[in-house]
Every structure is written in structure tokens, then in C-alpha cells.
Amino acid sequence: MKQIAEILMVDDEPDSRIATSSGSVGAKTLFSKGGVMPKKMLLVDDDPDIHIQAKALFKKKGYELIDAYDGNEGLQKVIEERPDLIILDVIMPIKDGFAACRELKTDERYHFFSHIPVLMLTVYPDDREKLHLSVREGMEMEAEDYVQKPFDPQELLSRVEELLKD
């Protein structure tokens, strides 16, 4: 793989294209320095300000951030984008984060994606009380980590990096 990446990085002509499942991209777009694709994260949150804050935080570290604004859109983006990590808000319109996480981890349609780590953003414990969920039900949803809103950007970054190590 490293040899392929090095060959692709040498030729940066505009018409040097690589076919992917979502079309073709230039070699420089597909690979970052060192021949390694950047880690891709999916942020599912209905608050545009959270998206702006997260993009600023993760862009500095070289991560690619994909946006979704409700649980249904998030699940669709999981299939389309195949992220390395999902950051999922709890309280959202259409489909809340707990329902989206449960569907991702248990529904057969998402079998090939159920291994993707999920970090829930929550104003815990209030979210669970509003949704009438017990602690036990929350644990059954198999989210790998929880970060409380409002979050400290460095804490969120640290938790994300820890989940991406595995």
C-alpha cells in the first residue's frame, strides 16, 4: 500500500484521477502526506454552531469531518461515507441519538458498520430523563463513550483520539 501511495503522490497532474466508489478524485485528495488517508468522522447534531466548532477543532488535527443534522441523515451518511468514528448528539429532531445508535448497533442493515465507535454528546443525565431512558437502557445502546455538553474542546479531542487508536 505504501508503494501505491508514493506512486500516486508523485503524479499531481490535474488529470491524474483515481476511481472510488463515489466517483473519481485526484491522488492528492485521496491521500494525505505520508500516504495515509485522514481519519474520517461523522458529526450528527442539529446545532449548526456545534458543527462550526467541531470543524475548527478537528481540521487543525487533519481529520475529515462529515456533517449530518438528524439521526436519519446520520445513518444514511454512515453508509455513504464509511466514517472511522461517529459523534452523535442525543436530542435531535426526526430521530434522536439514542435511537440512531441503537439502530446502528443492532439493525442487520448496518451490520458492516456496527463496529464504528460512537461518542455520544449529551447533557446527561437530563437527556435520559427527558427520553425516559434508564441508565441500563443507555448502556445497551453500546455507545463507546459519552461527552457532556457543553464540552471542553480539548476533552472532546482527547476522547476522539483515544477511540480512534483502537
Protein backbone atom coordinates (compact mmCIF):
# COMPACT_ATOMS: atom_id res chain seq x y z
CA MET A 1 0.00 0.00 0.00
CA LYS A 2 2.82 2.41 0.80
CA GLN A 3 4.34 1.93 -2.66
CA ILE A 4 0.99 2.63 -4.29
CA ALA A 5 0.56 5.78 -2.20
CA GLU A 6 4.05 7.00 -3.10
CA ILE A 7 3.40 6.46 -6.81
CA LEU A 8 0.11 8.35 -6.56
CA MET A 9 1.71 11.25 -4.71
CA VAL A 10 4.40 11.70 -7.37
CA ASP A 11 1.92 12.46 -10.13
CA ASP A 12 -0.10 15.51 -9.12
CA GLU A 13 -1.28 16.46 -12.60
CA PRO A 14 -4.90 17.70 -12.69
CA ASP A 15 -5.95 14.76 -14.85
CA SER A 16 -4.32 12.20 -12.55
CA ARG A 17 -7.58 10.66 -11.25
CA ILE A 18 -8.38 7.65 -9.12
CA ALA A 19 -11.74 5.89 -9.33
CA THR A 20 -13.54 5.46 -6.00
CA SER A 21 -16.99 4.19 -5.08
CA SER A 22 -18.24 7.80 -5.00
CA GLY A 23 -16.63 8.92 -8.27
CA SER A 24 -13.07 9.88 -9.08
CA VAL A 25 -10.73 12.04 -7.06
CA GLY A 26 -7.24 13.37 -7.55
CA ALA A 27 -4.42 11.45 -5.94
CA LYS A 28 -3.65 14.31 -3.57
CA THR A 29 -7.28 14.39 -2.44
CA LEU A 30 -7.36 10.68 -1.68
CA PHE A 31 -4.12 10.53 0.30
CA SER A 32 -2.62 12.92 2.79
CA LYS A 33 1.12 13.29 3.39
CA GLY A 34 2.80 10.01 4.16
CA GLY A 35 0.36 8.01 2.03
CA VAL A 36 -2.25 7.64 4.78
CA MET A 37 -5.87 8.60 4.37
CA PRO A 38 -7.04 11.08 7.02
CA LYS A 39 -9.40 9.74 9.67
CA LYS A 40 -13.00 10.48 8.78
CA MET A 41 -15.53 11.43 11.43
CA LEU A 42 -19.28 11.86 11.13
CA LEU A 43 -20.82 14.56 13.34
CA VAL A 44 -24.57 14.15 13.80
CA ASP A 45 -26.01 17.16 15.63
CA ASP A 46 -28.88 19.52 14.87
CA ASP A 47 -26.97 22.57 16.19
CA PRO A 48 -25.03 24.33 13.39
CA ASP A 49 -22.79 26.03 15.99
CA ILE A 50 -21.55 22.61 17.17
CA HIS A 51 -20.62 21.78 13.56
CA ILE A 52 -18.67 25.04 13.20
CA GLN A 53 -16.84 24.50 16.49
CA ALA A 54 -16.04 20.85 15.69
CA LYS A 55 -14.80 21.63 12.16
CA ALA A 56 -12.40 24.23 13.53
CA LEU A 57 -11.16 21.83 16.22
CA PHE A 58 -10.70 18.72 14.04
CA LYS A 59 -9.42 20.45 10.89
CA LYS A 60 -6.33 21.59 12.83
CA LYS A 61 -5.56 17.94 13.56
CA GLY A 62 -6.03 16.80 9.98
CA TYR A 63 -9.33 14.96 10.45
CA GLU A 64 -12.07 14.98 7.84
CA LEU A 65 -15.47 15.90 9.29
CA ILE A 66 -18.75 14.97 7.62
CA ASP A 67 -21.95 16.74 8.68
CA ALA A 68 -25.42 15.35 9.38
CA TYR A 69 -28.21 17.14 11.24
CA ASP A 70 -30.53 14.35 12.44
CA GLY A 71 -30.40 10.63 13.17
CA ASN A 72 -31.83 9.50 9.82
CA GLU A 73 -29.39 11.64 7.84
CA GLY A 74 -26.59 10.36 10.07
CA LEU A 75 -27.41 6.72 9.38
CA GLN A 76 -27.53 7.42 5.63
CA LYS A 77 -24.11 9.14 5.81
CA VAL A 78 -22.69 6.12 7.66
CA ILE A 79 -23.44 4.01 4.59
CA GLU A 80 -22.28 6.63 2.07
CA GLU A 81 -19.14 7.86 3.83
CA ARG A 82 -17.98 4.92 6.00
CA PRO A 83 -16.58 7.07 8.83
CA ASP A 84 -13.94 5.89 11.30
CA LEU A 85 -15.89 7.44 14.21
CA ILE A 86 -19.36 8.87 14.83
CA ILE A 87 -20.02 11.80 17.16
CA LEU A 88 -23.74 11.66 17.89
CA ASP A 89 -25.91 14.18 19.72
CA VAL A 90 -28.72 12.78 21.85
CA ILE A 91 -31.58 15.27 21.46
CA MET A 92 -32.34 15.83 17.76
CA PRO A 93 -35.42 16.10 15.55
CA ILE A 94 -36.75 13.21 13.47
CA LYS A 95 -34.58 10.50 15.12
CA ASP A 96 -32.75 11.09 18.39
CA GLY A 97 -29.21 9.93 19.02
CA PHE A 98 -30.17 7.02 21.25
CA ALA A 99 -32.46 5.60 18.54
CA ALA A 100 -29.84 6.15 15.83
CA CYS A 101 -27.14 4.46 17.94
CA ARG A 102 -29.43 1.53 18.75
CA GLU A 103 -30.27 1.10 15.06
CA LEU A 104 -26.62 1.29 14.00
CA LYS A 105 -25.51 -1.28 16.57
CA THR A 106 -28.39 -3.75 16.30
CA ASP A 107 -30.15 -3.46 12.92
CA GLU A 108 -28.97 -6.03 10.36
CA ARG A 109 -28.91 -3.31 7.64
CA TYR A 110 -25.94 -1.75 9.44
CA HIS A 111 -24.09 -4.99 10.21
CA PHE A 112 -20.95 -3.91 8.36
CA PHE A 113 -20.91 -0.56 10.18
CA SER A 114 -21.80 -1.65 13.72
CA HIS A 115 -18.10 -1.76 14.71
CA ILE A 116 -17.70 2.01 14.19
CA PRO A 117 -17.13 3.65 17.58
CA VAL A 118 -19.84 6.07 18.72
CA LEU A 119 -19.21 9.01 21.03
CA MET A 120 -22.47 10.48 22.34
CA LEU A 121 -22.80 14.20 23.05
CA THR A 122 -25.26 14.68 25.86
CA VAL A 123 -26.42 16.98 28.62
CA TYR A 124 -26.55 13.78 30.69
CA PRO A 125 -28.37 12.90 32.87
CA ASP A 126 -31.13 15.26 31.71
CA ASP A 127 -31.31 13.72 28.21
CA ARG A 128 -32.09 10.27 29.51
CA GLU A 129 -34.74 11.63 31.85
CA LYS A 130 -36.38 13.59 29.01
CA LEU A 131 -36.42 10.48 26.85
CA HIS A 132 -37.50 8.24 29.74
CA LEU A 133 -34.44 6.02 29.40
CA SER A 134 -32.79 4.27 32.28
CA VAL A 135 -29.02 4.02 32.71
CA ARG A 136 -29.29 0.33 31.79
CA GLU A 137 -31.05 1.14 28.51
CA GLY A 138 -28.37 3.70 27.67
CA MET A 139 -25.59 1.17 28.23
CA GLU A 140 -27.39 -1.35 26.00
CA MET A 141 -27.08 1.07 23.09
CA GLU A 142 -23.36 0.30 23.07
CA ALA A 143 -22.00 3.81 22.62
CA GLU A 144 -18.28 3.63 23.32
CA ASP A 145 -18.10 6.97 25.15
CA TYR A 146 -20.14 9.96 26.31
CA VAL A 147 -19.11 13.63 26.47
CA GLN A 148 -21.28 16.12 28.29
CA LYS A 149 -22.45 19.33 26.60
CA PRO A 150 -21.28 22.00 26.70
CA PHE A 151 -17.98 20.24 26.07
CA ASP A 152 -14.40 21.32 26.56
CA PRO A 153 -12.84 21.16 23.06
CA GLN A 154 -9.64 19.55 24.37
CA GLU A 155 -11.61 16.89 26.24
CA LEU A 156 -13.60 16.08 23.10
CA LEU A 157 -10.41 15.90 21.03
CA SER A 158 -8.76 13.66 23.61
CA ARG A 159 -11.73 11.26 23.72
CA VAL A 160 -11.91 11.13 19.92
CA GLU A 161 -8.20 10.38 19.60
CA GLU A 162 -8.49 7.64 22.21
CA LEU A 163 -11.37 5.98 20.35
CA LEU A 164 -9.51 6.20 17.03
CA LYS A 165 -6.49 4.36 18.47
CA ASP A 166 -8.39 1.10 18.75
